[in-house]
Amino acid sequence: VQLVESGGGLVQPGGSLRLSCTASGFTFSSHGMSWYRQAPGKERELVAYITNSGAGTNYADFVKGRFTISRDNVKNTVFLQMNSLNSEDTAVYYCYIPRLPFWGQGTQVTVSS
């Protein structure tokens, strides 16, 4: 199993980023997928979840209306579109397969002017 995240970086407050997580080594379309994040000195927390088909999604309250999780089961990729970013969104963002379970290596998102 492999999860490779990309798309992180430095962005100004109010800006946007799109994270990608490309999966291999398992039947991607059979698994729900999650994005988590961990800020310095804080516990890892769930950001969003999407069902295996993409028909269902759940979000943490602190990202509702700003972030959107989606997936492409042909490309074996899950996305996290992040809009209206603020400094509190600064963290390492991880892709996660709940049922296996398995974590990606993470991608750093820094929101700063």
PDB file of N, CA and C in Angstrom:
ATOM      1  N   VAL A   1       0.854  -1.197   0.000  1.00  0.00           N
ATOM      2  CA  VAL A   1       0.000   0.000   0.000  1.00  0.00           C
ATOM      3  C   VAL A   1       0.885   1.240   0.000  1.00  0.00           C
ATOM      4  N   GLN A   2       0.490   2.221  -0.776  1.00  0.00           N
ATOM      5  CA  GLN A   2       1.227   3.479  -0.818  1.00  0.00           C
ATOM      6  C   GLN A   2       0.254   4.631  -0.996  1.00  0.00           C
ATOM      7  N   LEU A   3       0.494   5.690  -0.241  1.00  0.00           N
ATOM      8  CA  LEU A   3      -0.252   6.944  -0.376  1.00  0.00           C
ATOM      9  C   LEU A   3       0.760   8.062  -0.550  1.00  0.00           C
ATOM     10  N   VAL A   4       0.614   8.829  -1.590  1.00  0.00           N
ATOM     11  CA  VAL A   4       1.549   9.928  -1.854  1.00  0.00           C
ATOM     12  C   VAL A   4       0.764  11.226  -1.921  1.00  0.00           C
ATOM     13  N   GLU A   5       0.987  12.094  -0.909  1.00  0.00           N
ATOM     14  CA  GLU A   5       0.322  13.391  -0.875  1.00  0.00           C
ATOM     15  C   GLU A   5       1.168  14.431  -1.606  1.00  0.00           C
ATOM     16  N   SER A   6       0.481  15.407  -2.167  1.00  0.00           N
ATOM     17  CA  SER A   6       1.157  16.532  -2.809  1.00  0.00           C
ATOM     18  C   SER A   6       0.236  17.741  -2.776  1.00  0.00           C
ATOM     19  N   GLY A   7       0.803  18.895  -3.124  1.00  0.00           N
ATOM     20  CA  GLY A   7       0.000  20.101  -3.227  1.00  0.00           C
ATOM     21  C   GLY A   7       0.148  21.068  -2.073  1.00  0.00           C
ATOM     22  N   GLY A   8       0.870  20.676  -1.042  1.00  0.00           N
ATOM     23  CA  GLY A   8       1.080  21.580   0.071  1.00  0.00           C
ATOM     24  C   GLY A   8       2.036  22.708  -0.293  1.00  0.00           C
ATOM     25  N   GLY A   9       2.160  23.668   0.620  1.00  0.00           N
ATOM     26  CA  GLY A   9       3.070  24.780   0.380  1.00  0.00           C
ATOM     27  C   GLY A   9       2.725  25.968   1.244  1.00  0.00           C
ATOM     28  N   LEU A  10       3.295  27.100   0.874  1.00  0.00           N
ATOM     29  CA  LEU A  10       3.073  28.361   1.582  1.00  0.00           C
ATOM     30  C   LEU A  10       2.016  29.171   0.845  1.00  0.00           C
ATOM     31  N   VAL A  11       1.024  29.646   1.583  1.00  0.00           N
ATOM     32  CA  VAL A  11      -0.046  30.438   0.979  1.00  0.00           C
ATOM     33  C   VAL A  11      -0.403  31.574   1.924  1.00  0.00           C
ATOM     34  N   GLN A  12      -0.831  32.689   1.371  1.00  0.00           N
ATOM     35  CA  GLN A  12      -1.228  33.838   2.183  1.00  0.00           C
ATOM     36  C   GLN A  12      -2.619  33.618   2.773  1.00  0.00           C
ATOM     37  N   PRO A  13      -2.902  34.258   3.892  1.00  0.00           N
ATOM     38  CA  PRO A  13      -4.259  34.171   4.457  1.00  0.00           C
ATOM     39  C   PRO A  13      -5.297  34.572   3.421  1.00  0.00           C
ATOM     40  N   GLY A  14      -6.378  33.805   3.392  1.00  0.00           N
ATOM     41  CA  GLY A  14      -7.423  34.025   2.409  1.00  0.00           C
ATOM     42  C   GLY A  14      -7.207  33.274   1.112  1.00  0.00           C
ATOM     43  N   GLY A  15      -6.059  32.651   0.962  1.00  0.00           N
ATOM     44  CA  GLY A  15      -5.740  31.936  -0.265  1.00  0.00           C
ATOM     45  C   GLY A  15      -6.278  30.520  -0.292  1.00  0.00           C
ATOM     46  N   SER A  16      -5.916  29.820  -1.362  1.00  0.00           N
ATOM     47  CA  SER A  16      -6.410  28.461  -1.582  1.00  0.00           C
ATOM     48  C   SER A  16      -5.274  27.522  -1.939  1.00  0.00           C
ATOM     49  N   LEU A  17      -5.490  26.255  -1.609  1.00  0.00           N
ATOM     50  CA  LEU A  17      -4.598  25.182  -2.033  1.00  0.00           C
ATOM     51  C   LEU A  17      -5.441  23.955  -2.332  1.00  0.00           C
ATOM     52  N   ARG A  18      -4.928  23.101  -3.203  1.00  0.00           N
ATOM     53  CA  ARG A  18      -5.580  21.823  -3.479  1.00  0.00           C
ATOM     54  C   ARG A  18      -4.593  20.704  -3.218  1.00  0.00           C
ATOM     55  N   LEU A  19      -4.901  19.888  -2.230  1.00  0.00           N
ATOM     56  CA  LEU A  19      -4.071  18.738  -1.915  1.00  0.00           C
ATOM     57  C   LEU A  19      -4.546  17.522  -2.702  1.00  0.00           C
ATOM     58  N   SER A  20      -3.586  16.676  -3.066  1.00  0.00           N
ATOM     59  CA  SER A  20      -3.881  15.418  -3.744  1.00  0.00           C
ATOM     60  C   SER A  20      -3.240  14.275  -2.987  1.00  0.00           C
ATOM     61  N   CYS A  21      -3.883  13.128  -3.032  1.00  0.00           N
ATOM     62  CA  CYS A  21      -3.339  11.908  -2.431  1.00  0.00           C
ATOM     63  C   CYS A  21      -3.572  10.785  -3.431  1.00  0.00           C
ATOM     64  N   THR A  22      -2.490  10.295  -4.016  1.00  0.00           N
ATOM     65  CA  THR A  22      -2.588   9.230  -5.007  1.00  0.00           C
ATOM     66  C   THR A  22      -2.252   7.905  -4.352  1.00  0.00           C
ATOM     67  N   ALA A  23      -3.142   6.940  -4.534  1.00  0.00           N
ATOM     68  CA  ALA A  23      -3.043   5.661  -3.836  1.00  0.00           C
ATOM     69  C   ALA A  23      -2.663   4.534  -4.784  1.00  0.00           C
ATOM     70  N   SER A  24      -2.031   3.521  -4.220  1.00  0.00           N
ATOM     71  CA  SER A  24      -1.705   2.313  -4.979  1.00  0.00           C
ATOM     72  C   SER A  24      -1.568   1.150  -4.011  1.00  0.00           C
ATOM     73  N   GLY A  25      -1.666  -0.070  -4.569  1.00  0.00           N
ATOM     74  CA  GLY A  25      -1.446  -1.258  -3.758  1.00  0.00           C
ATOM     75  C   GLY A  25      -2.679  -1.829  -3.082  1.00  0.00           C
ATOM     76  N   PHE A  26      -3.824  -1.255  -3.341  1.00  0.00           N
ATOM     77  CA  PHE A  26      -5.062  -1.775  -2.792  1.00  0.00           C
ATOM     78  C   PHE A  26      -6.201  -1.333  -3.704  1.00  0.00           C
ATOM     79  N   THR A  27      -7.394  -1.861  -3.455  1.00  0.00           N
ATOM     80  CA  THR A  27      -8.540  -1.524  -4.299  1.00  0.00           C
ATOM     81  C   THR A  27      -9.132  -0.205  -3.821  1.00  0.00           C
ATOM     82  N   PHE A  28      -8.669   0.869  -4.418  1.00  0.00           N
ATOM     83  CA  PHE A  28      -9.010   2.227  -3.975  1.00  0.00           C
ATOM     84  C   PHE A  28     -10.519   2.450  -3.925  1.00  0.00           C
ATOM     85  N   SER A  29     -11.232   1.985  -4.926  1.00  0.00           N
ATOM     86  CA  SER A  29     -12.666   2.262  -5.019  1.00  0.00           C
ATOM     87  C   SER A  29     -13.484   1.531  -3.958  1.00  0.00           C
ATOM     88  N   SER A  30     -12.852   0.655  -3.188  1.00  0.00           N
ATOM     89  CA  SER A  30     -13.562  -0.079  -2.137  1.00  0.00           C
ATOM     90  C   SER A  30     -13.428   0.575  -0.769  1.00  0.00           C
ATOM     91  N   HIS A  31     -12.658   1.646  -0.694  1.00  0.00           N
ATOM     92  CA  HIS A  31     -12.339   2.226   0.610  1.00  0.00           C
ATOM     93  C   HIS A  31     -12.724   3.693   0.729  1.00  0.00           C
ATOM     94  N   GLY A  32     -13.373   4.013   1.879  1.00  0.00           N
ATOM     95  CA  GLY A  32     -13.490   5.406   2.233  1.00  0.00           C
ATOM     96  C   GLY A  32     -12.121   5.978   2.549  1.00  0.00           C
ATOM     97  N   MET A  33     -11.978   7.275   2.374  1.00  0.00           N
ATOM     98  CA  MET A  33     -10.688   7.933   2.576  1.00  0.00           C
ATOM     99  C   MET A  33     -10.875   9.170   3.448  1.00  0.00           C
ATOM    100  N   SER A  34      -9.830   9.488   4.201  1.00  0.00           N
ATOM    101  CA  SER A  34      -9.882  10.646   5.092  1.00  0.00           C
ATOM    102  C   SER A  34      -8.669  11.546   4.879  1.00  0.00           C
ATOM    103  N   TRP A  35      -8.855  12.794   5.236  1.00  0.00           N
ATOM    104  CA  TRP A  35      -7.753  13.738   5.418  1.00  0.00           C
ATOM    105  C   TRP A  35      -7.716  14.112   6.891  1.00  0.00           C
ATOM    106  N   TYR A  36      -6.527  14.061   7.471  1.00  0.00           N
ATOM    107  CA  TYR A  36      -6.271  14.516   8.829  1.00  0.00           C
ATOM    108  C   TYR A  36      -5.228  15.624   8.762  1.00  0.00           C
ATOM    109  N   ARG A  37      -5.084  16.336   9.877  1.00  0.00           N
ATOM    110  CA  ARG A  37      -4.013  17.310   9.967  1.00  0.00           C
ATOM    111  C   ARG A  37      -3.459  17.331  11.380  1.00  0.00           C
ATOM    112  N   GLN A  38      -2.218  17.762  11.486  1.00  0.00           N
ATOM    113  CA  GLN A  38      -1.564  17.892  12.790  1.00  0.00           C
ATOM    114  C   GLN A  38      -0.734  19.155  12.811  1.00  0.00           C
ATOM    115  N   ALA A  39      -1.131  20.067  13.684  1.00  0.00           N
ATOM    116  CA  ALA A  39      -0.390  21.307  13.868  1.00  0.00           C
ATOM    117  C   ALA A  39       0.679  21.097  14.945  1.00  0.00           C
ATOM    118  N   PRO A  40       1.725  21.917  14.941  1.00  0.00           N
ATOM    119  CA  PRO A  40       2.792  21.770  15.947  1.00  0.00           C
ATOM    120  C   PRO A  40       2.240  21.809  17.364  1.00  0.00           C
ATOM    121  N   GLY A  41       2.593  20.827  18.163  1.00  0.00           N
ATOM    122  CA  GLY A  41       2.170  20.788  19.550  1.00  0.00           C
ATOM    123  C   GLY A  41       0.741  20.360  19.775  1.00  0.00           C
ATOM    124  N   LYS A  42       0.059  19.958  18.716  1.00  0.00           N
ATOM    125  CA  LYS A  42      -1.344  19.553  18.836  1.00  0.00           C
ATOM    126  C   LYS A  42      -1.527  18.107  18.365  1.00  0.00           C
ATOM    127  N   GLU A  43      -2.646  17.517  18.759  1.00  0.00           N
ATOM    128  CA  GLU A  43      -2.956  16.174  18.319  1.00  0.00           C
ATOM    129  C   GLU A  43      -3.451  16.175  16.866  1.00  0.00           C
ATOM    130  N   ARG A  44      -3.264  15.026  16.227  1.00  0.00           N
ATOM    131  CA  ARG A  44      -3.770  14.876  14.872  1.00  0.00           C
ATOM    132  C   ARG A  44      -5.302  14.877  14.919  1.00  0.00           C
ATOM    133  N   GLU A  45      -5.921  15.586  13.975  1.00  0.00           N
ATOM    134  CA  GLU A  45      -7.371  15.708  13.985  1.00  0.00           C
ATOM    135  C   GLU A  45      -7.957  15.452  12.604  1.00  0.00           C
ATOM    136  N   LEU A  46      -9.166  14.890  12.605  1.00  0.00           N
ATOM    137  CA  LEU A  46      -9.850  14.599  11.358  1.00  0.00           C
ATOM    138  C   LEU A  46     -10.312  15.895  10.702  1.00  0.00           C
ATOM    139  N   VAL A  47     -10.061  16.005   9.410  1.00  0.00           N
ATOM    140  CA  VAL A  47     -10.501  17.164   8.642  1.00  0.00           C
ATOM    141  C   VAL A  47     -11.744  16.820   7.822  1.00  0.00           C
ATOM    142  N   ALA A  48     -11.672  15.710   7.076  1.00  0.00           N
ATOM    143  CA  ALA A  48     -12.776  15.345   6.188  1.00  0.00           C
ATOM    144  C   ALA A  48     -12.699  13.860   5.853  1.00  0.00           C
ATOM    145  N   TYR A  49     -13.863  13.330   5.484  1.00  0.00           N
ATOM    146  CA  TYR A  49     -13.972  11.919   5.098  1.00  0.00           C
ATOM    147  C   TYR A  49     -14.870  11.824   3.870  1.00  0.00           C
ATOM    148  N   ILE A  50     -14.541  10.865   3.005  1.00  0.00           N
ATOM    149  CA  ILE A  50     -15.370  10.622   1.829  1.00  0.00           C
ATOM    150  C   ILE A  50     -15.573   9.120   1.686  1.00  0.00           C
ATOM    151  N   THR A  51     -16.800   8.712   1.348  1.00  0.00           N
ATOM    152  CA  THR A  51     -17.088   7.292   1.183  1.00  0.00           C
ATOM    153  C   THR A  51     -16.403   6.742  -0.067  1.00  0.00           C
ATOM    154  N   ASN A  52     -16.430   5.435  -0.211  1.00  0.00           N
ATOM    155  CA  ASN A  52     -15.713   4.805  -1.325  1.00  0.00           C
ATOM    156  C   ASN A  52     -16.237   5.263  -2.686  1.00  0.00           C
ATOM    157  N   SER A  53     -17.522   5.506  -2.789  1.00  0.00           N
ATOM    158  CA  SER A  53     -18.097   5.940  -4.063  1.00  0.00           C
ATOM    159  C   SER A  53     -17.982   7.443  -4.279  1.00  0.00           C
ATOM    160  N   GLY A  54     -17.751   8.160  -3.193  1.00  0.00           N
ATOM    161  CA  GLY A  54     -17.727   9.621  -3.271  1.00  0.00           C
ATOM    162  C   GLY A  54     -19.076  10.256  -3.016  1.00  0.00           C
ATOM    163  N   ALA A  55     -20.093   9.423  -2.797  1.00  0.00           N
ATOM    164  CA  ALA A  55     -21.441   9.959  -2.638  1.00  0.00           C
ATOM    165  C   ALA A  55     -21.649  10.627  -1.289  1.00  0.00           C
ATOM    166  N   GLY A  56     -20.874  10.227  -0.294  1.00  0.00           N
ATOM    167  CA  GLY A  56     -21.022  10.783   1.039  1.00  0.00           C
ATOM    168  C   GLY A  56     -19.761  11.434   1.546  1.00  0.00           C
ATOM    169  N   THR A  57     -19.915  12.548   2.247  1.00  0.00           N
ATOM    170  CA  THR A  57     -18.772  13.249   2.822  1.00  0.00           C
ATOM    171  C   THR A  57     -19.123  13.745   4.224  1.00  0.00           C
ATOM    172  N   ASN A  58     -18.083  13.894   5.040  1.00  0.00           N
ATOM    173  CA  ASN A  58     -18.224  14.496   6.369  1.00  0.00           C
ATOM    174  C   ASN A  58     -17.071  15.452   6.581  1.00  0.00           C
ATOM    175  N   TYR A  59     -17.335  16.516   7.337  1.00  0.00           N
ATOM    176  CA  TYR A  59     -16.311  17.521   7.583  1.00  0.00           C
ATOM    177  C   TYR A  59     -16.269  17.885   9.060  1.00  0.00           C
ATOM    178  N   ALA A  60     -15.070  18.224   9.515  1.00  0.00           N
ATOM    179  CA  ALA A  60     -14.937  18.830  10.835  1.00  0.00           C
ATOM    180  C   ALA A  60     -15.582  20.208  10.800  1.00  0.00           C
ATOM    181  N   ASP A  61     -16.123  20.608  11.940  1.00  0.00           N
ATOM    182  CA  ASP A  61     -16.821  21.905  11.985  1.00  0.00           C
ATOM    183  C   ASP A  61     -15.907  23.052  11.576  1.00  0.00           C
ATOM    184  N   PHE A  62     -14.631  22.953  11.890  1.00  0.00           N
ATOM    185  CA  PHE A  62     -13.745  24.087  11.647  1.00  0.00           C
ATOM    186  C   PHE A  62     -13.397  24.277  10.167  1.00  0.00           C
ATOM    187  N   VAL A  63     -13.814  23.346   9.286  1.00  0.00           N
ATOM    188  CA  VAL A  63     -13.546  23.513   7.856  1.00  0.00           C
ATOM    189  C   VAL A  63     -14.808  23.566   7.010  1.00  0.00           C
ATOM    190  N   LYS A  64     -15.971  23.366   7.639  1.00  0.00           N
ATOM    191  CA  LYS A  64     -17.220  23.361   6.876  1.00  0.00           C
ATOM    192  C   LYS A  64     -17.408  24.669   6.125  1.00  0.00           C
ATOM    193  N   GLY A  65     -17.721  24.535   4.851  1.00  0.00           N
ATOM    194  CA  GLY A  65     -17.930  25.702   4.009  1.00  0.00           C
ATOM    195  C   GLY A  65     -16.666  26.248   3.383  1.00  0.00           C
ATOM    196  N   ARG A  66     -15.505  25.748   3.828  1.00  0.00           N
ATOM    197  CA  ARG A  66     -14.224  26.236   3.275  1.00  0.00           C
ATOM    198  C   ARG A  66     -13.488  25.138   2.518  1.00  0.00           C
ATOM    199  N   PHE A  67     -13.563  23.907   3.007  1.00  0.00           N
ATOM    200  CA  PHE A  67     -12.829  22.785   2.400  1.00  0.00           C
ATOM    201  C   PHE A  67     -13.813  21.843   1.708  1.00  0.00           C
ATOM    202  N   THR A  68     -13.346  21.207   0.644  1.00  0.00           N
ATOM    203  CA  THR A  68     -14.147  20.212  -0.066  1.00  0.00           C
ATOM    204  C   THR A  68     -13.290  18.990  -0.362  1.00  0.00           C
ATOM    205  N   ILE A  69     -13.777  17.824   0.064  1.00  0.00           N
ATOM    206  CA  ILE A  69     -13.091  16.576  -0.247  1.00  0.00           C
ATOM    207  C   ILE A  69     -13.782  15.940  -1.451  1.00  0.00           C
ATOM    208  N   SER A  70     -12.982  15.360  -2.340  1.00  0.00           N
ATOM    209  CA  SER A  70     -13.517  14.687  -3.514  1.00  0.00           C
ATOM    210  C   SER A  70     -12.550  13.565  -3.903  1.00  0.00           C
ATOM    211  N   ARG A  71     -12.968  12.751  -4.856  1.00  0.00           N
ATOM    212  CA  ARG A  71     -12.102  11.651  -5.270  1.00  0.00           C
ATOM    213  C   ARG A  71     -12.349  11.314  -6.729  1.00  0.00           C
ATOM    214  N   ASP A  72     -11.324  10.692  -7.329  1.00  0.00           N
ATOM    215  CA  ASP A  72     -11.396  10.193  -8.689  1.00  0.00           C
ATOM    216  C   ASP A  72     -10.988   8.727  -8.634  1.00  0.00           C
ATOM    217  N   ASN A  73     -11.969   7.836  -8.738  1.00  0.00           N
ATOM    218  CA  ASN A  73     -11.679   6.407  -8.609  1.00  0.00           C
ATOM    219  C   ASN A  73     -11.024   5.810  -9.852  1.00  0.00           C
ATOM    220  N   VAL A  74     -10.947   6.560 -10.916  1.00  0.00           N
ATOM    221  CA  VAL A  74     -10.194   6.113 -12.091  1.00  0.00           C
ATOM    222  C   VAL A  74      -8.706   6.409 -11.892  1.00  0.00           C
ATOM    223  N   LYS A  75      -8.429   7.561 -11.329  1.00  0.00           N
ATOM    224  CA  LYS A  75      -7.037   7.964 -11.103  1.00  0.00           C
ATOM    225  C   LYS A  75      -6.530   7.573  -9.709  1.00  0.00           C
ATOM    226  N   ASN A  76      -7.385   6.900  -8.912  1.00  0.00           N
ATOM    227  CA  ASN A  76      -6.992   6.468  -7.559  1.00  0.00           C
ATOM    228  C   ASN A  76      -6.471   7.640  -6.727  1.00  0.00           C
ATOM    229  N   THR A  77      -7.192   8.727  -6.771  1.00  0.00           N
ATOM    230  CA  THR A  77      -6.738   9.940  -6.108  1.00  0.00           C
ATOM    231  C   THR A  77      -7.874  10.577  -5.317  1.00  0.00           C
ATOM    232  N   VAL A  78      -7.542  11.034  -4.117  1.00  0.00           N
ATOM    233  CA  VAL A  78      -8.477  11.812  -3.307  1.00  0.00           C
ATOM    234  C   VAL A  78      -7.910  13.226  -3.179  1.00  0.00           C
ATOM    235  N   PHE A  79      -8.800  14.210  -3.193  1.00  0.00           N
ATOM    236  CA  PHE A  79      -8.411  15.620  -3.191  1.00  0.00           C
ATOM    237  C   PHE A  79      -8.971  16.329  -1.961  1.00  0.00           C
ATOM    238  N   LEU A  80      -8.303  17.406  -1.600  1.00  0.00           N
ATOM    239  CA  LEU A  80      -8.836  18.303  -0.584  1.00  0.00           C
ATOM    240  C   LEU A  80      -8.644  19.727  -1.098  1.00  0.00           C
ATOM    241  N   GLN A  81      -9.735  20.327  -1.516  1.00  0.00           N
ATOM    242  CA  GLN A  81      -9.717  21.733  -1.945  1.00  0.00           C
ATOM    243  C   GLN A  81      -9.903  22.600  -0.712  1.00  0.00           C
ATOM    244  N   MET A  82      -8.952  23.475  -0.447  1.00  0.00           N
ATOM    245  CA  MET A  82      -8.974  24.311   0.743  1.00  0.00           C
ATOM    246  C   MET A  82      -9.039  25.778   0.330  1.00  0.00           C
ATOM    247  N   ASN A  83     -10.102  26.441   0.721  1.00  0.00           N
ATOM    248  CA  ASN A  83     -10.300  27.856   0.412  1.00  0.00           C
ATOM    249  C   ASN A  83     -10.351  28.669   1.696  1.00  0.00           C
ATOM    250  N   SER A  84     -10.205  29.961   1.565  1.00  0.00           N
ATOM    251  CA  SER A  84     -10.279  30.877   2.710  1.00  0.00           C
ATOM    252  C   SER A  84      -9.377  30.419   3.851  1.00  0.00           C
ATOM    253  N   LEU A  85      -8.156  30.105   3.503  1.00  0.00           N
ATOM    254  CA  LEU A  85      -7.225  29.593   4.503  1.00  0.00           C
ATOM    255  C   LEU A  85      -6.818  30.681   5.488  1.00  0.00           C
ATOM    256  N   ASN A  86      -6.605  30.254   6.723  1.00  0.00           N
ATOM    257  CA  ASN A  86      -6.106  31.171   7.752  1.00  0.00           C
ATOM    258  C   ASN A  86      -4.967  30.501   8.507  1.00  0.00           C
ATOM    259  N   SER A  87      -4.355  31.240   9.391  1.00  0.00           N
ATOM    260  CA  SER A  87      -3.143  30.751  10.066  1.00  0.00           C
ATOM    261  C   SER A  87      -3.409  29.491  10.888  1.00  0.00           C
ATOM    262  N   GLU A  88      -4.631  29.339  11.354  1.00  0.00           N
ATOM    263  CA  GLU A  88      -4.962  28.147  12.146  1.00  0.00           C
ATOM    264  C   GLU A  88      -5.019  26.876  11.303  1.00  0.00           C
ATOM    265  N   ASP A  89      -5.001  27.016   9.991  1.00  0.00           N
ATOM    266  CA  ASP A  89      -4.976  25.851   9.100  1.00  0.00           C
ATOM    267  C   ASP A  89      -3.554  25.349   8.861  1.00  0.00           C
ATOM    268  N   THR A  90      -2.563  26.057   9.371  1.00  0.00           N
ATOM    269  CA  THR A  90      -1.184  25.618   9.229  1.00  0.00           C
ATOM    270  C   THR A  90      -0.972  24.292   9.944  1.00  0.00           C
ATOM    271  N   ALA A  91      -0.527  23.287   9.199  1.00  0.00           N
ATOM    272  CA  ALA A  91      -0.375  21.942   9.745  1.00  0.00           C
ATOM    273  C   ALA A  91       0.223  21.038   8.681  1.00  0.00           C
ATOM    274  N   VAL A  92       0.600  19.840   9.111  1.00  0.00           N
ATOM    275  CA  VAL A  92       0.907  18.783   8.159  1.00  0.00           C
ATOM    276  C   VAL A  92      -0.402  18.040   7.894  1.00  0.00           C
ATOM    277  N   TYR A  93      -0.735  17.882   6.637  1.00  0.00           N
ATOM    278  CA  TYR A  93      -1.975  17.223   6.238  1.00  0.00           C
ATOM    279  C   TYR A  93      -1.653  15.805   5.762  1.00  0.00           C
ATOM    280  N   TYR A  94      -2.429  14.854   6.298  1.00  0.00           N
ATOM    281  CA  TYR A  94      -2.194  13.438   6.029  1.00  0.00           C
ATOM    282  C   TYR A  94      -3.399  12.803   5.360  1.00  0.00           C
ATOM    283  N   CYS A  95      -3.132  11.946   4.426  1.00  0.00           N
ATOM    284  CA  CYS A  95      -4.136  11.102   3.808  1.00  0.00           C
ATOM    285  C   CYS A  95      -4.199   9.804   4.616  1.00  0.00           C
ATOM    286  N   TYR A  96      -5.400   9.230   4.773  1.00  0.00           N
ATOM    287  CA  TYR A  96      -5.562   8.071   5.665  1.00  0.00           C
ATOM    288  C   TYR A  96      -6.628   7.139   5.135  1.00  0.00           C
ATOM    289  N   ILE A  97      -6.327   5.825   5.234  1.00  0.00           N
ATOM    290  CA  ILE A  97      -7.290   4.800   4.859  1.00  0.00           C
ATOM    291  C   ILE A  97      -7.802   4.172   6.151  1.00  0.00           C
ATOM    292  N   PRO A  98      -9.006   4.514   6.599  1.00  0.00           N
ATOM    293  CA  PRO A  98      -9.464   4.059   7.920  1.00  0.00           C
ATOM    294  C   PRO A  98      -9.529   2.551   8.085  1.00  0.00           C
ATOM    295  N   ARG A  99      -9.957   1.837   7.062  1.00  0.00           N
ATOM    296  CA  ARG A  99     -10.210   0.405   7.234  1.00  0.00           C
ATOM    297  C   ARG A  99      -8.961  -0.434   7.234  1.00  0.00           C
ATOM    298  N   LEU A 100      -7.830   0.080   6.792  1.00  0.00           N
ATOM    299  CA  LEU A 100      -6.655  -0.796   6.709  1.00  0.00           C
ATOM    300  C   LEU A 100      -5.928  -0.975   8.044  1.00  0.00           C
ATOM    301  N   PRO A 101      -5.605  -0.002   8.819  1.00  0.00           N
ATOM    302  CA  PRO A 101      -5.477   1.435   8.528  1.00  0.00           C
ATOM    303  C   PRO A 101      -4.093   1.757   7.980  1.00  0.00           C
ATOM    304  N   PHE A 102      -3.983   2.893   7.284  1.00  0.00           N
ATOM    305  CA  PHE A 102      -2.701   3.255   6.681  1.00  0.00           C
ATOM    306  C   PHE A 102      -2.645   4.758   6.484  1.00  0.00           C
ATOM    307  N   TRP A 103      -1.457   5.325   6.798  1.00  0.00           N
ATOM    308  CA  TRP A 103      -1.238   6.773   6.682  1.00  0.00           C
ATOM    309  C   TRP A 103      -0.286   7.091   5.538  1.00  0.00           C
ATOM    310  N   GLY A 104      -0.519   8.229   4.899  1.00  0.00           N
ATOM    311  CA  GLY A 104       0.452   8.780   3.993  1.00  0.00           C
ATOM    312  C   GLY A 104       1.548   9.492   4.766  1.00  0.00           C
ATOM    313  N   GLN A 105       2.521  10.036   4.046  1.00  0.00           N
ATOM    314  CA  GLN A 105       3.670  10.655   4.708  1.00  0.00           C
ATOM    315  C   GLN A 105       3.405  12.096   5.108  1.00  0.00           C
ATOM    316  N   GLY A 106       2.360  12.691   4.586  1.00  0.00           N
ATOM    317  CA  GLY A 106       1.990  14.044   4.956  1.00  0.00           C
ATOM    318  C   GLY A 106       2.552  15.097   4.018  1.00  0.00           C
ATOM    319  N   THR A 107       1.863  16.222   3.944  1.00  0.00           N
ATOM    320  CA  THR A 107       2.321  17.371   3.174  1.00  0.00           C
ATOM    321  C   THR A 107       2.093  18.626   4.005  1.00  0.00           C
ATOM    322  N   GLN A 108       3.095  19.489   4.041  1.00  0.00           N
ATOM    323  CA  GLN A 108       3.041  20.681   4.896  1.00  0.00           C
ATOM    324  C   GLN A 108       2.232  21.787   4.223  1.00  0.00           C
ATOM    325  N   VAL A 109       1.321  22.361   4.981  1.00  0.00           N
ATOM    326  CA  VAL A 109       0.577  23.542   4.566  1.00  0.00           C
ATOM    327  C   VAL A 109       0.887  24.658   5.565  1.00  0.00           C
ATOM    328  N   THR A 110       1.384  25.768   5.054  1.00  0.00           N
ATOM    329  CA  THR A 110       1.701  26.915   5.894  1.00  0.00           C
ATOM    330  C   THR A 110       0.950  28.128   5.384  1.00  0.00           C
ATOM    331  N   VAL A 111       0.153  28.727   6.267  1.00  0.00           N
ATOM    332  CA  VAL A 111      -0.615  29.914   5.910  1.00  0.00           C
ATOM    333  C   VAL A 111      -0.001  31.098   6.642  1.00  0.00           C
ATOM    334  N   SER A 112       0.596  31.985   5.876  1.00  0.00           N
ATOM    335  CA  SER A 112       1.308  33.106   6.474  1.00  0.00           C
ATOM    336  C   SER A 112       1.474  34.217   5.456  1.00  0.00           C
ATOM    337  N   SER A 113       1.463  35.453   5.961  1.00  0.00           N
ATOM    338  CA  SER A 113       1.706  36.599   5.088  1.00  0.00           C
ATOM    339  C   SER A 113       3.191  36.939   5.069  1.00  0.00           C
TER     340      SER A 113
END
